Protein backbone atom coordinates (compact mmCIF):
# COMPACT_ATOMS: atom_id res chain seq x y z
CA MET A 1 -34.98 -6.83 14.28
CA ILE A 2 -34.66 -8.97 11.16
CA GLU A 3 -31.73 -11.37 11.25
CA LYS A 4 -29.81 -10.72 8.04
CA LYS A 5 -28.81 -14.31 7.35
CA PHE A 6 -27.26 -15.46 4.09
CA PRO A 7 -28.36 -18.60 2.20
CA ASP A 8 -26.90 -21.95 3.19
CA GLY A 9 -23.80 -22.68 1.14
CA PHE A 10 -22.96 -19.00 0.66
CA TYR A 11 -19.19 -18.73 0.44
CA TRP A 12 -16.95 -16.11 1.98
CA GLY A 13 -13.37 -15.18 1.27
CA ALA A 14 -10.96 -12.70 -0.24
CA ALA A 15 -9.12 -12.17 -3.51
CA THR A 16 -5.61 -11.59 -4.84
CA ALA A 17 -4.05 -11.19 -8.29
CA ALA A 18 -0.79 -12.78 -9.41
CA TYR A 19 1.24 -9.74 -10.44
CA GLN A 20 0.15 -7.76 -7.38
CA VAL A 21 1.25 -10.33 -4.81
CA GLU A 22 3.46 -13.08 -6.23
CA GLY A 23 6.67 -11.17 -6.98
CA GLY A 24 9.38 -12.03 -9.46
CA ILE A 25 7.31 -11.60 -12.63
CA ASP A 26 9.61 -9.87 -15.10
CA ASN A 27 8.45 -10.77 -18.61
CA THR A 28 5.28 -8.65 -18.76
CA ASP A 29 4.21 -5.29 -20.14
CA TRP A 30 3.99 -3.95 -16.57
CA ALA A 31 7.52 -5.02 -15.71
CA GLN A 32 8.76 -3.33 -18.87
CA ALA A 33 6.84 -0.18 -17.96
CA ALA A 34 8.54 -0.21 -14.55
CA ASN A 35 11.94 -0.61 -16.21
CA GLU A 36 11.11 2.45 -18.29
CA GLU A 37 10.11 4.30 -15.07
CA ARG A 38 6.54 4.76 -16.27
CA VAL A 39 5.08 2.96 -13.24
CA PRO A 40 6.49 1.91 -9.85
CA THR A 41 8.47 -1.33 -9.70
CA CYS A 42 6.62 -4.34 -8.34
CA GLY A 43 9.67 -6.47 -7.54
CA ILE A 44 9.13 -9.18 -4.96
CA ALA A 45 5.77 -7.68 -3.90
CA CYS A 46 4.38 -9.87 -1.08
CA ASP A 47 6.44 -12.91 -2.12
CA HIS A 48 3.15 -14.79 -2.24
CA TYR A 49 4.67 -17.07 -4.88
CA ASN A 50 6.71 -18.65 -2.09
CA ARG A 51 4.48 -17.85 0.91
CA TYR A 52 1.07 -18.93 -0.38
CA GLU A 53 0.71 -21.74 2.15
CA GLU A 54 1.22 -19.33 5.06
CA ASP A 55 -1.26 -16.91 3.51
CA PHE A 56 -3.91 -19.59 2.97
CA MET A 57 -3.54 -20.78 6.55
CA LEU A 58 -4.28 -17.23 7.69
CA ALA A 59 -7.31 -17.07 5.38
CA LYS A 60 -8.62 -20.31 6.90
CA GLU A 61 -8.06 -18.96 10.43
CA LEU A 62 -10.09 -15.90 9.43
CA GLY A 63 -13.13 -18.00 8.61
CA HIS A 64 -12.83 -17.92 4.83
CA THR A 65 -14.30 -20.74 2.78
CA ALA A 66 -13.24 -19.56 -0.70
CA HIS A 67 -10.38 -17.72 -2.36
CA ARG A 68 -10.11 -16.00 -5.72
CA PHE A 69 -6.69 -15.69 -7.31
CA SER A 70 -5.25 -15.29 -10.79
CA VAL A 71 -2.68 -17.28 -12.69
CA GLU A 72 0.03 -15.32 -14.48
CA TRP A 73 -0.16 -15.60 -18.27
CA ALA A 74 3.52 -14.61 -18.65
CA ARG A 75 4.58 -17.50 -16.41
CA ILE A 76 2.40 -20.06 -18.19
CA GLU A 77 3.07 -18.94 -21.80
CA PRO A 78 6.41 -17.10 -21.69
CA GLU A 79 6.75 -17.37 -25.48
CA GLU A 80 3.94 -17.57 -28.00
CA GLY A 81 2.74 -21.15 -28.26
CA THR A 82 5.25 -22.39 -25.66
CA PHE A 83 3.74 -23.45 -22.35
CA ASP A 84 5.78 -23.84 -19.17
CA GLN A 85 4.96 -26.99 -17.23
CA ALA A 86 6.89 -25.73 -14.19
CA ALA A 87 4.42 -22.85 -13.93
CA ILE A 88 1.51 -25.26 -14.19
CA LEU A 89 2.99 -27.45 -11.47
CA HIS A 90 3.30 -24.39 -9.26
CA TYR A 91 -0.35 -23.45 -9.69
CA ARG A 92 -1.39 -27.04 -9.12
CA ALA A 93 0.47 -26.87 -5.81
CA VAL A 94 -1.35 -23.62 -5.01
CA LEU A 95 -4.70 -25.29 -5.71
CA LYS A 96 -3.82 -28.30 -3.58
CA SER A 97 -2.87 -25.97 -0.75
CA LEU A 98 -6.25 -24.23 -1.00
CA HIS A 99 -8.04 -27.56 -0.89
CA ALA A 100 -5.97 -28.60 2.14
CA GLN A 101 -7.28 -25.53 3.96
CA GLY A 102 -10.87 -26.15 2.87
CA LEU A 103 -10.89 -23.07 0.62
CA LYS A 104 -12.87 -23.33 -2.61
CA PRO A 105 -10.71 -21.93 -5.44
CA TYR A 106 -11.85 -19.41 -8.03
CA ILE A 107 -9.29 -18.81 -10.77
CA THR A 108 -9.05 -15.71 -12.92
CA ILE A 109 -7.26 -16.69 -16.14
CA TRP A 110 -6.09 -13.18 -17.02
CA HIS A 111 -5.77 -10.23 -14.62
CA PHE A 112 -4.36 -7.24 -16.58
CA THR A 113 -0.71 -8.16 -17.21
CA LEU A 114 0.31 -9.36 -20.68
CA PRO A 115 3.25 -11.58 -21.60
CA GLN A 116 5.94 -9.47 -23.23
CA TRP A 117 5.64 -11.27 -26.58
CA PHE A 118 1.90 -10.55 -26.76
CA ALA A 119 2.23 -6.92 -25.68
CA ASN A 120 5.06 -6.28 -28.14
CA SER A 121 3.03 -7.67 -31.02
CA GLY A 122 -0.02 -5.48 -30.31
CA GLY A 123 -1.84 -7.31 -27.53
CA PHE A 124 -5.59 -7.01 -27.77
CA GLU A 125 -5.26 -4.63 -30.68
CA ARG A 126 -4.35 -7.71 -32.72
CA LYS A 127 -7.12 -9.00 -34.95
CA ASP A 128 -6.30 -12.56 -33.92
CA SER A 129 -6.18 -11.80 -30.19
CA PRO A 130 -9.43 -13.70 -29.44
CA LYS A 131 -7.96 -16.86 -30.96
CA ILE A 132 -4.69 -16.41 -29.04
CA PHE A 133 -6.51 -15.80 -25.75
CA ALA A 134 -8.91 -18.72 -26.22
CA LYS A 135 -5.99 -21.09 -26.80
CA TYR A 136 -4.30 -19.91 -23.60
CA ALA A 137 -7.54 -20.11 -21.58
CA ALA A 138 -8.30 -23.63 -22.78
CA PHE A 139 -4.78 -24.75 -21.88
CA VAL A 140 -5.16 -23.40 -18.33
CA VAL A 141 -8.45 -25.23 -17.81
CA ALA A 142 -7.09 -28.43 -19.33
CA GLU A 143 -4.16 -28.37 -16.90
CA LEU A 144 -5.92 -27.11 -13.77
CA GLY A 145 -9.58 -27.99 -14.24
CA ASP A 146 -9.41 -31.19 -12.22
CA LEU A 147 -8.57 -29.07 -9.17
CA CYS A 148 -10.87 -26.10 -9.84
CA GLY A 149 -14.43 -25.94 -11.11
CA HIS A 150 -14.77 -22.17 -11.57
CA PHE A 151 -12.75 -20.03 -13.97
CA SER A 152 -13.21 -16.34 -14.77
CA THR A 153 -11.76 -15.54 -18.18
CA MET A 154 -10.73 -11.95 -17.44
CA ASN A 155 -10.81 -9.20 -14.85
CA GLU A 156 -12.40 -5.77 -15.40
CA PRO A 157 -12.15 -5.39 -19.18
CA ASN A 158 -13.51 -1.83 -19.10
CA VAL A 159 -10.90 -0.73 -16.56
CA TYR A 160 -8.15 -2.30 -18.66
CA GLY A 161 -9.35 -0.63 -21.84
CA SER A 162 -10.04 2.82 -20.43
CA ASN A 163 -6.76 3.09 -18.50
CA GLY A 164 -4.70 1.80 -21.42
CA TRP A 165 -6.28 3.66 -24.34
CA LEU A 166 -8.32 6.59 -22.98
CA ARG A 167 -6.48 7.84 -19.88
CA GLY A 168 -3.10 6.52 -20.96
CA SER A 169 -2.16 5.71 -17.37
CA TRP A 170 -1.53 1.98 -17.91
CA PRO A 171 0.28 0.03 -20.62
CA PRO A 172 0.29 0.59 -23.54
CA PHE A 173 0.00 4.27 -22.45
CA LYS A 174 -2.19 5.57 -25.27
CA ARG A 175 -4.18 8.65 -24.34
CA PHE A 176 -7.24 10.11 -26.04
CA SER A 177 -6.18 13.71 -25.43
CA LEU A 178 -3.97 16.50 -26.67
CA THR A 179 -1.90 16.30 -23.47
CA ASP A 180 0.91 13.77 -23.35
CA VAL A 181 1.58 13.77 -19.60
CA VAL A 182 -0.95 11.98 -17.44
CA SER A 183 -1.11 11.76 -13.67
CA ILE A 184 -1.69 8.15 -12.65
CA THR A 185 -2.26 8.67 -8.95
CA ASN A 186 -5.66 8.87 -7.30
CA SER A 187 -5.17 12.46 -6.14
CA GLY A 188 -2.32 14.91 -6.50
CA ARG A 189 0.62 14.15 -8.77
CA GLN A 190 2.62 11.41 -7.09
CA TYR A 191 3.69 9.77 -10.31
CA GLU A 192 3.54 10.63 -14.01
CA ALA A 193 3.79 8.60 -17.19
CA LYS A 194 4.41 9.79 -20.71
CA ALA A 195 1.57 8.68 -22.95
CA SER A 196 1.18 8.90 -26.71
CA ARG A 197 -1.68 11.27 -27.39
CA GLY A 198 -4.23 12.16 -30.01
CA ILE A 199 -7.50 10.99 -31.51
CA ALA A 200 -6.31 7.52 -32.59
CA PRO A 201 -6.44 5.98 -29.07
CA LEU A 202 -10.22 6.47 -29.02
CA PHE A 203 -10.65 4.26 -32.08
CA LEU A 204 -8.14 1.77 -30.73
CA TYR A 205 -10.11 1.68 -27.48
CA PHE A 206 -13.27 0.60 -29.28
CA ARG A 207 -11.27 -2.04 -31.18
CA VAL A 208 -9.75 -3.38 -27.98
CA MET A 209 -13.10 -3.52 -26.19
CA ARG A 210 -14.59 -5.45 -29.11
CA HIS A 211 -11.65 -7.85 -29.10
CA LEU A 212 -11.93 -8.33 -25.33
CA ALA A 213 -15.58 -9.32 -25.66
CA GLU A 214 -14.74 -11.64 -28.54
CA SER A 215 -11.85 -13.08 -26.52
CA HIS A 216 -14.12 -13.91 -23.60
CA ASN A 217 -16.71 -15.49 -25.89
CA ALA A 218 -14.07 -17.52 -27.76
CA ALA A 219 -12.50 -18.65 -24.48
CA TYR A 220 -15.92 -19.63 -23.12
CA CYS A 221 -16.61 -21.82 -26.17
CA ALA A 222 -13.14 -23.40 -26.06
CA ILE A 223 -13.43 -24.17 -22.35
CA LYS A 224 -16.95 -25.58 -22.58
CA LYS A 225 -15.94 -27.82 -25.51
CA LEU A 226 -13.13 -29.16 -23.37
CA SER A 227 -14.98 -29.27 -20.04
CA PRO A 228 -18.77 -28.74 -20.23
CA ALA A 229 -19.20 -28.86 -16.44
CA THR A 230 -16.74 -26.03 -15.73
CA ASP A 231 -18.39 -22.83 -14.53
CA VAL A 232 -17.08 -19.99 -16.71
CA SER A 233 -17.61 -16.36 -15.73
CA ILE A 234 -16.39 -12.88 -16.45
CA VAL A 235 -15.45 -10.40 -13.73
CA LYS A 236 -17.09 -7.06 -14.43
CA HIS A 237 -16.24 -3.81 -12.71
CA VAL A 238 -19.49 -1.88 -12.22
CA ILE A 239 -19.54 1.83 -11.46
CA VAL A 240 -22.92 2.82 -10.10
CA PHE A 241 -23.93 6.04 -11.84
CA ALA A 242 -26.91 7.63 -10.12
CA ALA A 243 -28.61 11.03 -10.34
CA ASN A 244 -30.62 13.55 -8.41
CA GLY A 245 -34.17 14.31 -9.50
CA THR A 246 -33.44 16.33 -12.64
CA ILE A 247 -34.25 14.67 -15.97
CA PHE A 248 -30.93 15.81 -17.48
CA ASN A 249 -28.89 14.15 -14.72
CA GLN A 250 -30.98 10.99 -14.89
CA LEU A 251 -30.28 10.82 -18.62
CA LYS A 252 -26.54 11.27 -17.98
CA ALA A 253 -26.59 8.42 -15.46
CA LYS A 254 -28.48 6.17 -17.85
CA ILE A 255 -26.00 6.83 -20.65
CA ALA A 256 -23.00 6.35 -18.34
CA ASN A 257 -24.33 3.04 -17.01
CA TYR A 258 -24.92 1.83 -20.56
CA PHE A 259 -21.45 2.64 -21.83
CA TRP A 260 -19.60 1.45 -18.72
CA THR A 261 -21.57 -1.69 -17.87
CA TYR A 262 -24.38 -2.74 -20.17
CA LYS A 263 -22.70 -2.32 -23.56
CA PHE A 264 -19.97 -4.82 -22.72
CA MET A 265 -22.20 -7.17 -20.75
CA ASN A 266 -24.71 -7.32 -23.59
CA ARG A 267 -21.90 -8.70 -25.77
CA VAL A 268 -20.83 -11.46 -23.39
CA ALA A 269 -23.79 -12.39 -21.15
CA ARG A 270 -24.82 -15.33 -23.36
CA TYR A 271 -21.35 -16.76 -22.81
CA CYS A 272 -21.38 -16.69 -19.01
CA ASP A 273 -22.44 -19.37 -16.57
CA SER A 274 -22.09 -16.82 -13.78
CA ILE A 275 -20.91 -13.22 -13.37
CA GLY A 276 -18.42 -11.76 -10.90
CA LEU A 277 -18.87 -8.21 -9.63
CA ASN A 278 -16.04 -5.87 -8.68
CA TYR A 279 -17.44 -2.81 -6.90
CA TYR A 280 -15.64 0.33 -5.74
CA PHE A 281 -17.33 3.44 -7.18
CA TYR A 282 -20.61 5.25 -6.62
CA THR A 283 -21.12 8.52 -8.50
CA GLN A 284 -24.27 10.64 -8.43
CA PHE A 285 -24.75 13.36 -11.02
CA GLY A 286 -25.95 16.56 -9.37
CA ASP A 287 -24.67 15.39 -5.99
CA THR A 288 -23.68 18.23 -3.64
CA ARG A 289 -22.77 16.10 -0.63
CA SER A 290 -19.31 16.22 0.90
CA TRP A 291 -18.30 12.56 0.85
CA ARG A 292 -16.16 10.75 3.34
CA LYS A 293 -13.20 9.37 1.37
CA THR A 294 -11.05 6.24 1.35
CA ASP A 295 -7.25 6.42 1.05
CA MET A 296 -7.78 6.18 -2.72
CA ASP A 297 -9.86 9.36 -2.56
CA TRP A 298 -12.94 7.36 -3.55
CA ASN A 299 -16.39 7.94 -2.05
CA PHE A 300 -17.01 5.82 1.06
CA ALA A 301 -20.18 4.20 -0.29
CA PRO A 302 -20.06 0.43 0.31
CA GLU A 303 -23.82 -0.08 0.64
CA HIS A 304 -24.32 0.94 -2.99
CA ILE A 305 -22.98 -2.45 -4.00
CA TYR A 306 -26.70 -3.24 -3.85
CA GLU A 307 -27.38 -1.22 -7.01
CA ALA A 308 -24.37 -2.77 -8.76
CA LEU A 309 -25.65 -6.28 -8.06
CA MET A 310 -29.15 -5.39 -9.21
CA MET A 311 -27.70 -4.03 -12.45
CA LEU A 312 -26.08 -7.41 -13.14
CA ALA A 313 -29.10 -9.37 -11.90
CA ARG A 314 -30.95 -8.43 -15.10
CA TYR A 315 -28.83 -11.03 -16.93
CA ARG A 316 -30.42 -13.81 -14.85
CA LYS A 317 -27.16 -15.53 -13.99
CA PRO A 318 -25.71 -16.57 -10.64
CA LEU A 319 -23.61 -13.71 -9.26
CA PHE A 320 -20.69 -13.48 -6.88
CA VAL A 321 -18.83 -10.53 -5.41
CA SER A 322 -15.36 -11.10 -6.84
CA GLU A 323 -13.89 -7.92 -5.32
CA GLY A 324 -14.99 -5.17 -2.99
CA GLY A 325 -13.00 -3.27 -0.40
CA LEU A 326 -11.10 -0.12 0.41
CA ALA A 327 -7.65 1.31 0.96
CA ASP A 328 -7.41 2.14 4.66
CA ALA A 329 -3.88 2.15 6.07
CA SER A 330 -5.08 3.04 9.58
CA ASP A 331 -7.75 0.32 9.54
CA THR A 332 -10.19 2.76 11.10
CA GLY A 333 -12.96 2.42 8.53
CA ARG A 334 -12.56 -1.08 7.10
CA ALA A 335 -14.80 -2.93 9.57
CA GLU A 336 -17.64 -0.45 9.02
CA TYR A 337 -17.08 -0.60 5.28
CA ILE A 338 -17.27 -4.39 5.24
CA LYS A 339 -20.45 -4.49 7.35
CA ARG A 340 -22.19 -1.92 5.18
CA GLN A 341 -21.05 -3.66 1.98
CA VAL A 342 -22.22 -7.05 3.20
CA THR A 343 -25.57 -5.52 4.17
CA GLY A 344 -25.92 -4.25 0.60
CA VAL A 345 -25.25 -7.76 -0.71
CA TRP A 346 -27.86 -9.20 1.66
CA GLN A 347 -30.40 -6.63 0.48
CA ALA A 348 -29.76 -7.55 -3.15
CA ILE A 349 -30.45 -11.20 -2.32
CA GLN A 350 -33.73 -10.22 -0.66
CA ASN A 351 -34.73 -8.42 -3.85
CA GLY A 352 -34.07 -11.37 -6.10
CA ALA A 353 -30.38 -11.25 -7.06
CA ASP A 354 -28.91 -14.76 -7.10
CA VAL A 355 -25.70 -13.93 -5.22
CA ARG A 356 -23.67 -17.00 -4.24
CA GLY A 357 -20.61 -15.56 -2.49
CA HIS A 358 -18.55 -12.58 -1.37
CA MET A 359 -14.79 -12.06 -1.63
CA TYR A 360 -13.18 -9.01 -0.09
CA TRP A 361 -10.36 -7.17 -1.86
CA SER A 362 -7.83 -7.99 -0.75
CA LEU A 363 -6.50 -10.76 1.45
CA LEU A 364 -3.10 -9.04 1.55
CA ASP A 365 -1.74 -5.55 1.11
CA ASN A 366 -0.33 -5.50 -2.40
CA TYR A 367 0.94 -3.60 -5.44
CA GLU A 368 -1.82 -1.18 -6.39
CA TRP A 369 -0.94 -1.03 -10.06
CA ALA A 370 0.33 2.41 -11.12
CA LEU A 371 0.39 3.62 -7.50
CA GLY A 372 2.86 1.08 -6.13
CA PHE A 373 2.69 -0.07 -2.52
CA ALA A 374 1.40 3.01 -0.68
CA LYS A 375 -2.28 2.01 -0.71
CA ARG A 376 -3.26 -0.73 1.70
CA PHE A 377 -6.37 -2.78 0.93
CA GLY A 378 -5.48 -5.91 2.87
CA LEU A 379 -7.23 -7.74 5.65
CA ILE A 380 -3.63 -8.67 6.42
CA HIS A 381 -0.91 -6.04 6.76
CA VAL A 382 2.33 -6.82 4.93
CA ASP A 383 5.68 -5.38 6.00
CA TYR A 384 7.35 -5.22 2.59
CA GLU A 385 10.86 -5.17 4.08
CA THR A 386 10.51 -8.26 6.26
CA GLN A 387 7.46 -9.87 4.57
CA LYS A 388 5.89 -10.25 8.01
CA ARG A 389 2.12 -10.72 7.96
CA THR A 390 -0.06 -9.10 10.63
CA VAL A 391 -3.81 -9.62 10.74
CA ARG A 392 -5.69 -6.33 11.03
CA PRO A 393 -8.50 -5.93 13.61
CA SER A 394 -11.07 -5.46 10.85
CA ALA A 395 -10.29 -8.97 9.57
CA TYR A 396 -11.78 -10.37 12.76
CA VAL A 397 -15.02 -8.48 12.17
CA TYR A 398 -15.16 -10.07 8.73
CA LYS A 399 -14.29 -13.44 10.31
CA LYS A 400 -17.39 -13.22 12.50
CA ILE A 401 -19.55 -12.47 9.45
CA CYS A 402 -18.01 -15.40 7.58
CA GLU A 403 -18.43 -17.89 10.40
CA GLU A 404 -21.95 -16.82 11.35
CA ASN A 405 -23.04 -16.40 7.71
CA LYS A 406 -24.91 -13.22 8.52
CA VAL A 407 -24.59 -9.49 8.90
CA VAL A 408 -23.06 -8.72 12.27
CA GLU A 409 -24.60 -5.59 13.82
């Protein structure tokens, strides 16, 4: 049997995002949407803002060597052009805590939520949004770059654009459809949000996606001018579209992969030192199989992260798995999922993908955007009433992988 060992220096860890775990973030488009009862309230969430040291100690005990987290734009720039030094001091304390635990930090500069002032003035529909974003990104790196060498400008631009302007399930709730009520749950109708409807959101979507690409590129240039040695990446959500043997389905898969992944990446790849992969979805056109499902009603297909990595490998940049995981409240499938996902990563490395690390989503149970707190992705269970943390059994399987730096059979 071949020992599926990872390269020396390969880093292991998990990821979080500010709004989903910190709590107490009230001046954002998502908080406003909750106040309007369009999405569930986030509230105190996991109180990670105050409990980060406890959480990082647990990550260290679980064998992690890296951690990806985001800083909250609304905390750092609560008013346009006004930067809050107290927020910066907080994130500097977070970074120092990570270093104290021997965890290499990876910062995401923007993870979905917009400051209220930016959202109210049009957000990424604004023509000058790339300039605004680049200024914010450069400020973050100027203030935190001495404690972190790797910054991702943004998380999952395609997910942000499609949910906000095509499905209408996320702020700003603009839907390319003739129906103004949209279900924003994974299956069934647990929650609904009124969305403005019509043809216009389609054109706005293309504008936003162009501005997001321009924002990343402008931020990259601003950061590199300030700090040439900083590693700047983008975090791209890749859906693997596959097909059965028919030519028609193969053509559909090719078109879908282009519009979801390659079109955006072709715009930004020149402005990336590395690329982060978020992987959750595998879809095969013409597929008649009855798939095992996660609690999100997504196909249980972790090994197909291999294809997602190979899709990004064409850009000839170092890669890292910035997110990958599943909702599994019973924790009955997570260990298997992790082992199969990690095997897919190992296989991609064998076939030439320059993958440097793997971070599971998520370290903690958290706010799953428009679904609230029902879906549990965490290696660590969170009791939202008491804020008690409990390590799940699957986390120890991942710990063994992390510590041995290999696939554990």
